[in-house]
Amino acid sequence: MNWKKSLRAAGLVAALTFSLVGCNTEGAYSPQEIIDHALQETQESLAYYAEYTMDMGEVGGKAQVKEWTKDGKRRVEVTSDKGEHIISVNNGSEIISYNVKAKSAFKIDISEDGLESFPSPREQAEKMFDLVKDTHDVSMSGEEKIAGRDTYKLVAKAKKDNTLFGDMEVWVDKKTWLTLKMTTNNAGNKTTTEYTKMDESAKIDDAQFILDIPKDVKVEEVSGAEPESVTLDGVKEQFGEFLMVPEENGLEISNIQEMKIKDRSEFAFEYSQDQQPAFSVSLLKAVEDDTEMGDIPGEEPIEVRNQKGTFMKLGDILTISWQENGNQYNILSENPKLTKEDLLAYAKQMTIVK
C-alpha cells in the first residue's frame, strides 16, 4: 500500500465522519459515554433531509452538500467551489455515483459483500477515535447549538506535537447523536464539516434513491469484493525475486492476498504466530512517487536492513516501511504486543526467495 498517500487522505476520511446515529437518552454524560452513544448502532434508522458544508483546506477545497436519508438508504449531492457536481446514491443493494461535469459514473454491487470495503461514517468515526485514544486527551467543552440543535462539544487535544492527527473538535447532537460538526487537523491539513440544516420532518420520496444516468454516459462497474487469495508461486510469477520472512519458530503464513493498486499489484503476506495473528508484510514494486511525498507528521525516520526507512504508530498499529532492490516493503503489526524492535527483527530475518 502507498502509505504516504493513504495517510494524507486521512483528512478526507475524517471530514466524512458526520452521519452517526444512536439512541435518544437524557442525562449528563462523560466524554467517553457521548462517544459510545454516537458510535452505537441504532435499531430504527433516522429519516431526514440535511445540508452541510465541507472545507477540506488545501487538499480538497470547499463544497456544499445536500443529503437525504431514509430506511438505511442515502443520497448525497456535492457541489464544489471548483464547479464539480457529484451525485451518489446508496439504495441498499448498490452504490451509484455520477460526476455531472466529467460525464462519468460508476456503480458498486454491495448486495453480497455488504459495506465491509466501504466503511460507514459510524465505522470511520470509530476508527478515528480508536486511533487517537492513546495520543489525545478527550474532554467536554460545554454545549453549543449547531444548525439550531443542541449539541455536546468534545475536544481531543494531542498530547505531543508533530502527530499525524492534531487537535480535534466534535459537536454531537443531543437528540439523534449525529455528529453535526467536526474539525480536524490531519497531516497539516485542517478540515471542517458542519451541518447548516437538519429536518427530520421532511417528506422523502423513494424516488430520491433512484439515480437516472444519461444514456450517453458509460457506467463503470467497480468490484467491492475482498482481495483474492493467491499462492506463493503466483507472487513469484510477477516479482521473480523478493524478500520474505521465513516460516520458523511457530511463525507461518496464514494467507497471501493480491490487491490492485492502479497499474501495479500489491501482495500482502499475513503471518500468524502459534495460530494467532502476528503481522502482515506488503510487497509492491517501488516507484519514484513513493519517495517524493515528503515527511508525514508522526513519521519517524529509521534504518531498516541498512536502508532508509520510516516508522509510524497509529493507535495500536505499528508499521515500518522501506525500499530495497526496486521493491517497496511495509510490515504492519496485527498483535498489540509487538514492538517496533520486533518488527525490525522480523525485517532483519527476511531472506530472498526466487
Protein backbone atom coordinates (compact mmCIF):
# COMPACT_ATOMS: atom_id res chain seq x y z
CA MET A 1 0.00 0.00 0.00
CA ASN A 2 1.20 3.52 -0.70
CA TRP A 3 1.14 4.54 2.97
CA LYS A 4 2.01 8.19 2.43
CA LYS A 5 -0.85 8.77 0.01
CA SER A 6 -3.28 6.82 2.19
CA LEU A 7 -2.38 8.74 5.32
CA ARG A 8 -2.52 12.10 3.57
CA ALA A 9 -6.09 11.20 2.62
CA ALA A 10 -6.97 10.77 6.31
CA GLY A 11 -8.23 14.35 6.38
CA LEU A 12 -10.81 13.46 3.76
CA VAL A 13 -11.90 10.42 5.75
CA ALA A 14 -12.25 12.50 8.90
CA ALA A 15 -14.38 15.03 7.04
CA LEU A 16 -16.88 12.27 6.26
CA THR A 17 -17.46 11.18 9.88
CA PHE A 18 -20.67 13.16 10.29
CA SER A 19 -23.70 10.82 9.94
CA LEU A 20 -23.52 8.81 13.14
CA VAL A 21 -26.74 7.54 14.75
CA GLY A 22 -27.60 6.18 18.20
CA CYS A 23 -30.29 6.18 20.83
CA ASN A 24 -32.08 9.12 22.39
CA THR A 25 -31.28 9.26 26.10
CA GLU A 26 -31.44 12.16 28.55
CA GLY A 27 -28.92 12.87 31.30
CA ALA A 28 -25.38 14.01 31.93
CA TYR A 29 -22.62 12.15 30.17
CA SER A 30 -18.88 11.84 30.29
CA PRO A 31 -16.93 12.37 27.05
CA GLN A 32 -16.48 8.60 26.65
CA GLU A 33 -20.21 7.98 27.15
CA ILE A 34 -21.04 10.53 24.44
CA ILE A 35 -18.58 8.86 22.07
CA ASP A 36 -20.06 5.45 22.90
CA HIS A 37 -23.59 6.70 22.16
CA ALA A 38 -22.51 8.38 18.93
CA LEU A 39 -20.86 5.19 17.68
CA GLN A 40 -23.69 2.91 18.75
CA GLU A 41 -25.83 1.20 16.13
CA THR A 42 -29.49 2.20 16.17
CA GLN A 43 -32.48 -0.11 15.98
CA GLU A 44 -34.53 2.40 13.98
CA SER A 45 -32.73 4.33 11.25
CA LEU A 46 -33.37 8.05 11.03
CA ALA A 47 -35.10 9.73 8.12
CA TYR A 48 -34.09 13.30 7.38
CA TYR A 49 -33.05 15.91 4.83
CA ALA A 50 -29.92 17.86 5.67
CA GLU A 51 -27.42 20.33 4.27
CA TYR A 52 -23.84 20.81 5.35
CA THR A 53 -20.59 22.41 4.26
CA MET A 54 -17.18 20.79 3.88
CA ASP A 55 -13.95 22.76 4.00
CA MET A 56 -11.04 20.39 3.34
CA GLY A 57 -8.36 23.06 3.16
CA GLU A 58 -5.63 22.81 0.55
CA VAL A 59 -6.30 19.10 -0.02
CA GLY A 60 -9.85 19.30 -1.29
CA GLY A 61 -11.20 22.86 -1.21
CA LYS A 62 -14.78 23.66 -0.21
CA ALA A 63 -18.10 22.04 -1.04
CA GLN A 64 -21.82 22.34 -0.34
CA VAL A 65 -23.63 19.07 0.35
CA LYS A 66 -27.29 18.02 0.34
CA GLU A 67 -28.25 14.74 1.99
CA TRP A 68 -31.39 12.56 2.01
CA THR A 69 -31.55 9.55 4.39
CA LYS A 70 -34.40 7.07 4.83
CA ASP A 71 -34.69 3.36 5.72
CA GLY A 72 -30.93 2.91 5.57
CA LYS A 73 -30.74 4.42 2.07
CA ARG A 74 -28.81 7.60 1.37
CA ARG A 75 -28.47 10.19 -1.38
CA VAL A 76 -25.72 12.80 -1.33
CA GLU A 77 -25.24 15.67 -3.79
CA VAL A 78 -21.93 17.52 -3.62
CA THR A 79 -21.21 20.83 -5.36
CA SER A 80 -17.64 22.05 -5.00
CA ASP A 81 -16.23 25.55 -5.28
CA LYS A 82 -14.38 24.31 -8.38
CA GLY A 83 -17.65 23.67 -10.22
CA GLU A 84 -17.78 19.92 -9.67
CA HIS A 85 -21.18 18.31 -9.15
CA ILE A 86 -21.33 14.71 -7.94
CA ILE A 87 -24.49 12.75 -7.07
CA SER A 88 -24.16 9.48 -5.14
CA VAL A 89 -26.90 7.07 -4.08
CA ASN A 90 -26.76 4.05 -1.79
CA ASN A 91 -30.03 2.19 -2.44
CA GLY A 92 -29.20 -0.75 -0.20
CA SER A 93 -28.05 -3.10 -2.96
CA GLU A 94 -25.60 -0.90 -4.86
CA ILE A 95 -23.80 2.40 -4.70
CA ILE A 96 -24.09 4.57 -7.80
CA SER A 97 -22.10 7.76 -8.31
CA TYR A 98 -22.44 10.24 -11.19
CA ASN A 99 -19.99 13.06 -11.88
CA VAL A 100 -22.13 15.54 -13.82
CA LYS A 101 -19.29 17.76 -15.03
CA ALA A 102 -16.98 14.92 -16.10
CA LYS A 103 -19.90 12.89 -17.50
CA SER A 104 -18.61 9.76 -15.81
CA ALA A 105 -20.25 7.27 -13.46
CA PHE A 106 -19.57 4.08 -11.58
CA LYS A 107 -21.56 1.58 -9.54
CA ILE A 108 -20.62 -0.92 -6.87
CA ASP A 109 -22.65 -4.02 -6.07
CA ILE A 110 -22.95 -4.26 -2.27
CA SER A 111 -25.75 -6.85 -2.14
CA GLU A 112 -23.40 -9.73 -1.28
CA ASP A 113 -20.29 -8.16 0.15
CA GLY A 114 -22.11 -5.62 2.30
CA LEU A 115 -20.21 -2.43 3.16
CA GLU A 116 -17.04 -4.02 4.50
CA SER A 117 -14.92 -2.48 1.74
CA PHE A 118 -16.69 0.88 2.15
CA PRO A 119 -16.92 1.70 5.87
CA SER A 120 -19.90 3.67 7.06
CA PRO A 121 -19.42 7.10 8.65
CA ARG A 122 -20.00 5.45 12.05
CA GLU A 123 -17.24 2.93 11.35
CA GLN A 124 -14.93 5.68 10.08
CA ALA A 125 -15.51 7.68 13.27
CA GLU A 126 -14.95 4.58 15.41
CA LYS A 127 -11.57 4.06 13.76
CA MET A 128 -10.72 7.73 14.14
CA PHE A 129 -11.47 7.74 17.89
CA ASP A 130 -9.58 4.46 18.27
CA LEU A 131 -6.53 5.96 16.57
CA VAL A 132 -6.39 8.93 18.96
CA LYS A 133 -7.37 7.22 22.22
CA ASP A 134 -3.74 6.94 23.35
CA THR A 135 -2.38 10.10 21.74
CA HIS A 136 -5.09 12.59 22.73
CA ASP A 137 -6.81 13.81 25.88
CA VAL A 138 -10.60 13.98 25.30
CA SER A 139 -12.69 16.36 27.38
CA MET A 140 -16.07 18.09 27.43
CA SER A 141 -16.08 21.72 26.31
CA GLY A 142 -19.65 22.77 27.05
CA GLU A 143 -22.80 22.73 24.95
CA GLU A 144 -23.48 24.68 21.76
CA LYS A 145 -26.12 25.00 19.07
CA ILE A 146 -25.29 23.72 15.59
CA ALA A 147 -27.91 24.11 12.85
CA GLY A 148 -30.31 25.22 15.56
CA ARG A 149 -29.90 21.98 17.53
CA ASP A 150 -28.43 21.38 20.98
CA THR A 151 -25.09 19.61 20.94
CA TYR A 152 -22.34 18.40 23.25
CA LYS A 153 -18.91 19.69 22.30
CA LEU A 154 -15.92 17.36 22.70
CA VAL A 155 -12.30 18.44 22.36
CA ALA A 156 -9.47 15.98 21.69
CA LYS A 157 -6.08 17.56 22.42
CA ALA A 158 -2.94 15.92 21.07
CA LYS A 159 -0.54 15.01 23.87
CA LYS A 160 2.52 15.67 21.70
CA ASP A 161 3.42 17.98 18.84
CA ASN A 162 4.03 16.67 15.33
CA THR A 163 1.45 13.86 15.47
CA LEU A 164 -0.48 12.67 12.43
CA PHE A 165 -3.81 13.64 13.97
CA GLY A 166 -3.71 17.07 15.57
CA ASP A 167 -6.33 18.64 17.81
CA MET A 168 -9.95 17.69 17.05
CA GLU A 169 -13.31 19.20 17.97
CA VAL A 170 -16.60 17.30 17.66
CA TRP A 171 -20.16 18.53 18.19
CA VAL A 172 -22.67 15.69 18.87
CA ASP A 173 -26.45 16.20 18.59
CA LYS A 174 -28.14 15.55 21.95
CA LYS A 175 -31.22 14.04 20.32
CA THR A 176 -30.01 11.96 17.39
CA TRP A 177 -26.35 11.53 18.38
CA LEU A 178 -25.40 12.65 14.89
CA THR A 179 -22.04 14.41 14.63
CA LEU A 180 -23.21 17.82 13.38
CA LYS A 181 -19.80 19.44 13.24
CA MET A 182 -16.22 18.24 13.26
CA THR A 183 -12.90 19.98 12.85
CA THR A 184 -9.63 18.09 12.47
CA ASN A 185 -6.02 18.85 11.71
CA ASN A 186 -4.62 15.82 9.92
CA ALA A 187 -1.13 15.70 8.43
CA GLY A 188 -1.04 19.50 8.48
CA ASN A 189 -4.36 19.93 6.67
CA LYS A 190 -7.32 21.42 8.55
CA THR A 191 -10.79 20.16 7.67
CA THR A 192 -14.19 21.31 8.88
CA THR A 193 -17.57 19.69 8.28
CA GLU A 194 -20.66 21.50 9.62
CA TYR A 195 -24.37 20.93 9.21
CA THR A 196 -26.37 24.06 8.46
CA LYS A 197 -29.77 22.37 8.19
CA MET A 198 -31.32 19.22 9.67
CA ASP A 199 -35.00 18.45 9.01
CA GLU A 200 -36.36 15.22 10.49
CA SER A 201 -39.90 16.10 9.40
CA ALA A 202 -39.07 16.34 5.71
CA LYS A 203 -41.07 14.07 3.41
CA ILE A 204 -38.61 11.99 1.43
CA ASP A 205 -39.87 10.25 -1.70
CA ASP A 206 -38.40 6.85 -2.56
CA ALA A 207 -37.61 8.27 -5.99
CA GLN A 208 -34.72 10.15 -4.38
CA PHE A 209 -32.85 6.86 -4.20
CA ILE A 210 -33.15 6.19 -7.92
CA LEU A 211 -30.34 7.76 -9.90
CA ASP A 212 -31.01 8.21 -13.60
CA ILE A 213 -27.76 8.32 -15.56
CA PRO A 214 -27.87 9.92 -19.06
CA LYS A 215 -27.73 7.33 -21.83
CA ASP A 216 -24.54 8.81 -23.30
CA VAL A 217 -22.65 8.29 -20.01
CA LYS A 218 -20.86 4.96 -19.60
CA VAL A 219 -21.30 3.45 -16.13
CA GLU A 220 -18.18 1.65 -14.94
CA GLU A 221 -18.72 -1.35 -12.68
CA VAL A 222 -16.36 -1.42 -9.72
CA SER A 223 -15.86 -4.56 -7.68
CA GLY A 224 -16.40 -4.26 -3.96
CA ALA A 225 -15.14 -7.75 -3.33
CA GLU A 226 -12.34 -8.59 -0.95
CA PRO A 227 -8.80 -9.09 -2.32
CA GLU A 228 -8.20 -12.55 -3.78
CA SER A 229 -6.05 -15.17 -2.08
CA VAL A 230 -3.09 -16.33 -4.18
CA THR A 231 -0.28 -18.84 -3.88
CA LEU A 232 3.40 -18.12 -3.37
CA ASP A 233 4.03 -19.26 -6.94
CA GLY A 234 1.61 -16.55 -8.10
CA VAL A 235 3.75 -13.91 -6.38
CA LYS A 236 6.93 -15.35 -7.88
CA GLU A 237 5.44 -15.11 -11.38
CA GLN A 238 5.05 -11.34 -11.03
CA PHE A 239 8.10 -10.45 -8.92
CA GLY A 240 10.58 -13.21 -9.69
CA GLU A 241 12.83 -12.36 -6.73
CA PHE A 242 11.82 -10.70 -3.47
CA LEU A 243 12.30 -10.78 0.32
CA MET A 244 10.13 -12.82 2.66
CA VAL A 245 10.09 -13.53 6.40
CA PRO A 246 10.87 -17.26 6.80
CA GLU A 247 8.33 -19.56 8.44
CA GLU A 248 10.22 -20.56 11.59
CA ASN A 249 9.67 -20.98 15.33
CA GLY A 250 5.89 -21.22 15.13
CA LEU A 251 5.64 -18.40 12.57
CA GLU A 252 3.68 -19.27 9.45
CA ILE A 253 1.94 -17.61 6.52
CA SER A 254 -1.81 -17.89 7.03
CA ASN A 255 -2.80 -16.16 3.79
CA ILE A 256 -1.44 -14.26 0.79
CA GLN A 257 -3.74 -11.67 -0.80
CA GLU A 258 -3.41 -9.72 -4.04
CA MET A 259 -4.68 -6.15 -4.32
CA LYS A 260 -4.55 -3.99 -7.45
CA ILE A 261 -3.05 -0.54 -6.97
CA LYS A 262 -3.70 1.28 -10.24
CA ASP A 263 -1.40 -0.45 -12.75
CA ARG A 264 0.62 -2.48 -10.27
CA SER A 265 -0.12 -5.32 -7.89
CA GLU A 266 0.38 -5.37 -4.14
CA PHE A 267 0.68 -8.64 -2.27
CA ALA A 268 0.02 -8.92 1.45
CA PHE A 269 1.55 -11.83 3.36
CA GLU A 270 -0.43 -12.44 6.56
CA TYR A 271 1.62 -14.12 9.29
CA SER A 272 0.42 -15.90 12.42
CA GLN A 273 2.39 -16.96 15.49
CA ASP A 274 1.14 -20.06 17.27
CA GLN A 275 -2.16 -19.74 15.35
CA GLN A 276 -2.70 -16.10 16.40
CA PRO A 277 -2.45 -13.09 14.02
CA ALA A 278 1.02 -11.56 14.30
CA PHE A 279 1.81 -9.16 11.45
CA SER A 280 1.49 -8.67 7.70
CA VAL A 281 4.09 -7.81 5.07
CA SER A 282 3.04 -5.96 1.93
CA LEU A 283 5.11 -6.14 -1.24
CA LEU A 284 4.82 -3.97 -4.34
CA LYS A 285 7.07 -2.51 -6.98
CA ALA A 286 8.65 0.76 -5.85
CA VAL A 287 8.03 3.84 -7.97
CA GLU A 288 9.64 7.25 -7.84
CA ASP A 289 6.41 8.79 -6.50
CA ASP A 290 6.73 6.74 -3.30
CA THR A 291 9.81 8.66 -2.24
CA GLU A 292 8.66 12.17 -3.16
CA MET A 293 5.68 12.59 -0.85
CA GLY A 294 7.73 14.22 1.90
CA ASP A 295 7.58 13.55 5.63
CA ILE A 296 4.31 12.94 7.43
CA PRO A 297 3.74 14.33 10.94
CA GLY A 298 4.32 11.50 13.42
CA GLU A 299 6.53 9.60 10.97
CA GLU A 300 9.97 8.69 12.32
CA PRO A 301 12.97 8.06 10.07
CA ILE A 302 14.71 4.77 10.90
CA GLU A 303 17.15 2.32 9.35
CA VAL A 304 15.73 -0.98 8.11
CA ARG A 305 18.07 -3.62 6.75
CA ASN A 306 20.72 -0.93 6.14
CA GLN A 307 18.18 1.05 4.10
CA LYS A 308 16.48 4.36 4.85
CA GLY A 309 13.01 3.64 6.17
CA THR A 310 10.22 5.04 8.32
CA PHE A 311 8.32 4.01 11.43
CA MET A 312 4.83 5.12 12.40
CA LYS A 313 2.45 4.36 15.27
CA LEU A 314 -1.31 4.76 14.75
CA GLY A 315 -3.16 3.73 17.88
CA ASP A 316 -2.24 0.10 18.50
CA ILE A 317 -0.94 -0.31 14.94
CA LEU A 318 2.77 -0.10 14.18
CA THR A 319 4.28 -0.03 10.71
CA ILE A 320 7.77 0.11 9.26
CA SER A 321 8.37 0.87 5.58
CA TRP A 322 11.40 0.84 3.29
CA GLN A 323 12.55 0.19 -0.28
CA GLU A 324 15.08 -2.43 -1.29
CA ASN A 325 16.21 -3.69 -4.70
CA GLY A 326 13.34 -1.98 -6.52
CA ASN A 327 10.57 -3.19 -4.19
CA GLN A 328 8.53 -1.40 -1.52
CA TYR A 329 8.04 -3.30 1.77
CA ASN A 330 5.72 -2.48 4.68
CA ILE A 331 5.44 -4.54 7.87
CA LEU A 332 2.24 -3.89 9.81
CA SER A 333 1.62 -5.21 13.31
CA GLU A 334 -1.57 -7.17 13.95
CA ASN A 335 -0.72 -8.14 17.52
CA PRO A 336 -0.77 -5.23 20.03
CA LYS A 337 2.05 -6.88 21.99
CA LEU A 338 4.52 -6.40 19.14
CA THR A 339 7.02 -3.54 19.40
CA LYS A 340 9.00 -1.55 16.86
CA GLU A 341 12.02 -3.67 17.75
CA ASP A 342 10.03 -6.82 16.98
CA LEU A 343 9.12 -5.54 13.50
CA LEU A 344 12.74 -4.57 12.82
CA ALA A 345 13.83 -8.04 13.93
CA TYR A 346 11.39 -9.68 11.51
CA ALA A 347 12.68 -7.42 8.73
CA LYS A 348 16.26 -8.44 9.53
CA GLN A 349 15.29 -12.12 9.23
CA MET A 350 13.93 -11.71 5.70
CA THR A 351 15.58 -13.82 3.02
CA ILE A 352 15.46 -13.79 -0.77
CA VAL A 353 13.05 -16.16 -2.50
CA LYS A 354 13.10 -16.85 -6.24
